[in-house]
Amino acid sequence: MSGGTERPLAEVRFLTVAEVASLMRVSKMTVYRLVHAGELPAVRVGRSFRVPEQAVHDYLRSSYIEAG
C-alpha cells in the first residue's frame, strides 16, 4: 500500500454507475465516459462497473474550481 491512504478492501464502499451519476448530478453516460477515459477508477463486475465511493469524492475535490 502506498502512502498509507488506501483502505482495506473490506472497508471500501462501491457505488453503481447510477449511484455515481446521482451523486454527481450528471448522466450515467457522463460517468461511463469518465471511467473509460481513466479519470474515474472503477472495477468491472460482470458487464457492469463499480466505482469506489472515495474515488468519486477525490475526483470532485480535484476538479473543484473556485469561482471568483
Protein backbone atom coordinates (compact mmCIF):
# COMPACT_ATOMS: atom_id res chain seq x y z
CA MET A 1 0.00 0.00 0.00
CA SER A 2 1.40 3.37 -0.96
CA GLY A 3 1.19 6.46 1.19
CA GLY A 4 -0.88 4.76 3.87
CA THR A 5 -4.09 6.25 2.44
CA GLU A 6 -5.50 3.03 0.97
CA ARG A 7 -8.25 1.37 2.96
CA PRO A 8 -8.64 -2.38 3.48
CA LEU A 9 -10.83 -3.81 0.72
CA ALA A 10 -13.49 -4.82 3.26
CA GLU A 11 -13.96 -1.13 4.14
CA VAL A 12 -14.24 0.15 0.57
CA ARG A 13 -17.79 1.12 -0.39
CA PHE A 14 -18.53 0.60 -4.06
CA LEU A 15 -21.18 2.56 -5.95
CA THR A 16 -23.03 1.68 -9.14
CA VAL A 17 -22.78 3.96 -12.17
CA ALA A 18 -26.35 5.12 -11.48
CA GLU A 19 -25.45 5.99 -7.88
CA VAL A 20 -22.36 7.92 -9.01
CA ALA A 21 -24.42 9.79 -11.61
CA SER A 22 -26.99 10.72 -8.97
CA LEU A 23 -24.33 11.81 -6.50
CA MET A 24 -22.55 13.96 -9.12
CA ARG A 25 -25.82 15.20 -10.69
CA VAL A 26 -24.74 14.05 -14.17
CA SER A 27 -25.97 11.42 -16.61
CA LYS A 28 -24.88 7.79 -16.48
CA MET A 29 -23.21 8.31 -19.87
CA THR A 30 -21.00 11.02 -18.36
CA VAL A 31 -19.91 8.57 -15.66
CA TYR A 32 -19.16 5.91 -18.29
CA ARG A 33 -17.07 8.44 -20.21
CA LEU A 34 -15.07 9.32 -17.08
CA VAL A 35 -14.47 5.62 -16.37
CA HIS A 36 -13.42 4.80 -19.94
CA ALA A 37 -11.16 7.88 -20.08
CA GLY A 38 -9.41 6.70 -16.91
CA GLU A 39 -10.43 9.81 -14.97
CA LEU A 40 -12.55 7.81 -12.53
CA PRO A 41 -11.26 4.41 -11.37
CA ALA A 42 -13.71 1.53 -11.50
CA VAL A 43 -13.85 -2.22 -11.06
CA ARG A 44 -15.63 -4.30 -13.66
CA VAL A 45 -18.11 -6.79 -12.18
CA GLY A 46 -19.54 -8.92 -14.95
CA ARG A 47 -20.85 -6.45 -17.51
CA SER A 48 -21.20 -3.55 -15.08
CA PHE A 49 -18.85 -1.21 -13.25
CA ARG A 50 -18.48 -0.39 -9.57
CA VAL A 51 -16.75 2.81 -8.51
CA PRO A 52 -15.13 3.21 -5.09
CA GLU A 53 -17.01 5.94 -3.23
CA GLN A 54 -13.76 7.60 -2.13
CA ALA A 55 -12.69 7.84 -5.79
CA VAL A 56 -15.80 9.92 -6.53
CA HIS A 57 -15.02 12.29 -3.65
CA ASP A 58 -11.37 12.52 -4.73
CA TYR A 59 -12.38 13.27 -8.32
CA LEU A 60 -14.79 16.01 -7.26
CA ARG A 61 -12.23 17.52 -4.87
CA SER A 62 -9.52 17.59 -7.56
CA SER A 63 -11.93 19.01 -10.16
CA TYR A 64 -13.23 21.80 -7.95
CA ILE A 65 -12.69 25.25 -9.42
CA GLU A 66 -13.06 28.34 -7.28
CA ALA A 67 -15.28 30.99 -8.81
CA GLY A 68 -14.05 34.48 -8.41
